[in-house]
Amino acid sequence: MTDIQAFLAGYKPSFLFTPNHDYPHYANSEMEQLNKYPSFNVTMNSRDHLLYTQTIPQRENIKTRLETLSPDTYEYEKIIGEALGFPPGAVEVYQKIKLLPVQRVGINYIGINFVTSVEHLTSDVQWLWSTYNNQSDAIVEVFYKPLDEWFNIQHLDTMALQRVYSQIHSSSEKEGSVS
C-alpha cells in the first residue's frame, strides 16, 4: 500500500504532498480523490508542501499549533511528524539525524513510511501495532541499507521483530555503520 492509498483509506491521519514534484506511482484517480480533502500549506526543509488531513477540525488544530512556530524548527517538525502518524521515537530521531550521524532503518507499515534509529526500531514498531491495531494482516517492512536487505514482520510477531532487531543491531555494531 502506498502512502496516498493509506491516506485515502483512512489509515494515515494526514498526507504531505509536494506540488510540482513528479509522483509516477500516484494514479490520476488518487490525485482527484486527494483534492477533495482539507489541506493547507506547510514548509519543510525549505520546500513548500500541502498537508492534507482527514477532517477540517484536524486541519484547523494542526494549523493553530503551527501558526506561531518557524518552519524547520524542532517543534514545527515534531507537530508535522505527529500529524503524519509517525511514532514518537521516529519524530525524535528525525531531528537527531539532522545534527548527528544516527544508525537508521527505513520502515513502511500500511503506507506509513519513515526513518527511525536502530535503537528505536522495536519500540516504534510496537507503537505502530498498538496505534494501528486493526491491521491484523499488515506487514511491517524494515530496510537496513548496510545489509541491503528488507525484512518483513507479520503483525504482532514480537519474536520476528526481536530477530530482525538483533540481526540489524549486530550488523550495526560490527560495522560501526551509520546509514
Protein backbone atom coordinates (compact mmCIF):
# COMPACT_ATOMS: atom_id res chain seq x y z
CA MET A 1 0.00 0.00 0.00
CA THR A 2 1.38 3.43 -0.89
CA ASP A 3 1.21 6.46 1.34
CA ILE A 4 -1.55 8.08 -0.71
CA GLN A 5 -3.60 4.86 -0.66
CA ALA A 6 -3.16 4.63 3.12
CA PHE A 7 -4.40 8.21 3.49
CA LEU A 8 -7.37 7.73 1.17
CA ALA A 9 -8.31 4.51 3.02
CA GLY A 10 -8.29 6.44 6.30
CA TYR A 11 -5.32 4.66 7.89
CA LYS A 12 -2.86 7.53 7.60
CA PRO A 13 -4.07 10.62 9.52
CA SER A 14 -2.53 13.13 7.12
CA PHE A 15 -0.58 13.24 3.89
CA LEU A 16 2.30 15.51 2.88
CA PHE A 17 2.34 16.38 -0.81
CA THR A 18 4.90 18.41 -2.72
CA PRO A 19 3.30 20.31 -5.62
CA ASN A 20 5.22 20.29 -8.92
CA HIS A 21 7.01 17.10 -7.92
CA ASP A 22 6.77 14.06 -10.19
CA TYR A 23 4.91 11.22 -8.47
CA PRO A 24 4.84 8.43 -11.05
CA HIS A 25 3.27 5.93 -8.64
CA TYR A 26 0.19 8.08 -7.91
CA ALA A 27 -2.78 7.40 -10.16
CA ASN A 28 -4.79 10.33 -11.54
CA SER A 29 -7.86 8.96 -9.75
CA GLU A 30 -5.97 9.03 -6.44
CA MET A 31 -4.96 12.65 -7.02
CA GLU A 32 -8.56 13.55 -7.82
CA GLN A 33 -9.73 11.93 -4.59
CA LEU A 34 -6.94 13.63 -2.62
CA ASN A 35 -8.04 17.06 -3.77
CA LYS A 36 -11.40 16.55 -2.03
CA TYR A 37 -9.71 16.55 1.40
CA PRO A 38 -8.92 19.62 3.53
CA SER A 39 -5.37 20.88 3.13
CA PHE A 40 -3.08 23.80 3.88
CA ASN A 41 0.45 24.95 3.03
CA VAL A 42 3.40 23.97 5.20
CA THR A 43 7.15 24.39 4.75
CA MET A 44 9.55 21.51 5.42
CA ASN A 45 13.25 21.54 4.57
CA SER A 46 12.81 24.92 2.88
CA ARG A 47 10.25 23.48 0.44
CA ASP A 48 6.55 24.22 0.14
CA HIS A 49 4.16 21.32 0.63
CA LEU A 50 0.46 20.72 1.07
CA LEU A 51 -0.58 18.87 4.20
CA TYR A 52 -3.85 17.03 3.61
CA THR A 53 -5.90 15.97 6.61
CA GLN A 54 -8.84 13.64 7.08
CA THR A 55 -11.12 16.34 8.54
CA ILE A 56 -11.46 20.12 8.74
CA PRO A 57 -11.16 20.14 12.58
CA GLN A 58 -7.93 18.14 12.29
CA ARG A 59 -6.59 20.67 9.75
CA GLU A 60 -7.52 23.61 11.96
CA ASN A 61 -5.94 22.01 15.03
CA ILE A 62 -2.62 21.48 13.23
CA LYS A 63 -2.70 24.97 11.69
CA THR A 64 -3.29 26.52 15.11
CA ARG A 65 -0.41 24.58 16.64
CA LEU A 66 1.94 25.63 13.81
CA GLU A 67 0.95 29.27 13.38
CA THR A 68 3.38 30.76 15.90
CA LEU A 69 6.29 28.47 15.01
CA SER A 70 9.03 28.91 12.43
CA PRO A 71 9.39 26.18 9.82
CA ASP A 72 12.28 23.76 10.19
CA THR A 73 12.35 24.17 13.97
CA TYR A 74 12.16 21.15 16.26
CA GLU A 75 8.62 21.88 17.50
CA TYR A 76 7.27 22.63 14.00
CA GLU A 77 8.67 19.40 12.55
CA LYS A 78 7.52 17.45 15.61
CA ILE A 79 3.93 18.56 15.01
CA ILE A 80 4.16 17.62 11.32
CA GLY A 81 5.64 14.19 12.18
CA GLU A 82 2.91 13.51 14.71
CA ALA A 83 0.26 14.65 12.21
CA LEU A 84 1.67 12.22 9.63
CA GLY A 85 1.18 9.34 12.06
CA PHE A 86 4.84 8.67 12.83
CA PRO A 87 5.86 7.08 16.15
CA PRO A 88 7.25 9.48 18.79
CA GLY A 89 10.65 7.80 18.62
CA ALA A 90 10.86 8.35 14.85
CA VAL A 91 9.87 12.00 15.24
CA GLU A 92 12.71 12.43 17.76
CA VAL A 93 15.19 10.58 15.53
CA TYR A 94 14.31 12.80 12.56
CA GLN A 95 15.67 15.75 14.49
CA LYS A 96 18.83 13.91 15.57
CA ILE A 97 19.62 12.76 12.03
CA LYS A 98 19.91 16.39 11.01
CA LEU A 99 22.54 17.03 13.70
CA LEU A 100 24.41 13.78 14.30
CA PRO A 101 25.09 10.54 12.46
CA VAL A 102 22.48 8.00 13.56
CA GLN A 103 22.29 4.32 12.67
CA ARG A 104 18.92 4.18 10.99
CA VAL A 105 16.39 1.93 9.33
CA GLY A 106 13.53 2.64 6.97
CA ILE A 107 10.06 1.40 7.91
CA ASN A 108 6.89 1.01 5.89
CA TYR A 109 3.65 -0.06 7.57
CA ILE A 110 0.29 0.29 5.80
CA GLY A 111 1.69 3.14 3.74
CA ILE A 112 3.20 4.99 6.69
CA ASN A 113 6.84 5.40 5.68
CA PHE A 114 9.54 6.88 7.91
CA VAL A 115 13.10 6.57 9.11
CA THR A 116 13.99 5.72 12.68
CA SER A 117 17.12 4.65 14.53
CA VAL A 118 18.17 1.05 15.04
CA GLU A 119 17.74 1.68 18.77
CA HIS A 120 14.10 2.81 18.31
CA LEU A 121 13.18 0.01 15.90
CA THR A 122 11.44 -2.23 18.43
CA SER A 123 9.57 0.49 20.30
CA ASP A 124 8.49 2.23 17.07
CA VAL A 125 7.12 -0.99 15.55
CA GLN A 126 5.30 -1.81 18.77
CA TRP A 127 3.85 1.73 18.76
CA LEU A 128 2.61 1.17 15.19
CA TRP A 129 0.95 -2.09 16.21
CA SER A 130 -0.80 -0.53 19.18
CA THR A 131 -1.81 2.65 17.33
CA TYR A 132 -2.99 0.99 14.11
CA ASN A 133 -4.22 -2.17 15.83
CA ASN A 134 -6.95 -3.07 13.33
CA GLN A 135 -4.38 -4.12 10.73
CA SER A 136 -4.04 -7.82 11.55
CA ASP A 137 -2.92 -8.76 8.05
CA ALA A 138 -0.43 -5.91 7.67
CA ILE A 139 3.30 -6.47 7.37
CA VAL A 140 5.97 -4.19 8.75
CA GLU A 141 8.69 -3.74 6.15
CA VAL A 142 12.09 -2.75 7.53
CA PHE A 143 15.01 -1.74 5.30
CA TYR A 144 18.59 -1.62 6.54
CA LYS A 145 20.93 -0.19 3.93
CA PRO A 146 24.29 -1.64 5.12
CA LEU A 147 22.84 -5.14 4.66
CA ASP A 148 20.93 -4.01 1.55
CA GLU A 149 18.06 -6.08 2.87
CA TRP A 150 14.33 -5.78 3.50
CA PHE A 151 12.89 -7.62 6.48
CA ASN A 152 9.17 -8.41 6.69
CA ILE A 153 7.50 -8.78 10.07
CA GLN A 154 3.93 -10.04 10.44
CA HIS A 155 1.52 -8.04 12.58
CA LEU A 156 2.22 -8.55 16.32
CA ASP A 157 5.02 -11.09 15.68
CA THR A 158 7.24 -9.92 18.52
CA MET A 159 9.64 -12.85 18.10
CA ALA A 160 10.28 -11.92 14.46
CA LEU A 161 10.68 -8.28 15.48
CA GLN A 162 13.28 -9.26 18.06
CA ARG A 163 15.15 -11.43 15.50
CA VAL A 164 15.22 -8.57 12.98
CA TYR A 165 16.36 -6.11 15.62
CA SER A 166 19.12 -8.48 16.78
CA GLN A 167 20.37 -9.05 13.24
CA ILE A 168 20.40 -5.33 12.39
CA HIS A 169 21.85 -4.31 15.75
CA SER A 170 24.59 -6.91 15.48
CA SER A 171 25.49 -5.73 11.99
CA SER A 172 25.48 -2.07 13.01
CA GLU A 173 27.80 -2.79 15.93
CA LYS A 174 30.23 -4.82 13.79
CA GLU A 175 30.47 -2.20 11.10
CA GLY A 176 30.03 0.83 13.33
CA SER A 177 27.98 1.92 10.35
CA VAL A 178 25.78 4.91 10.05
CA SER A 179 23.31 4.89 7.20
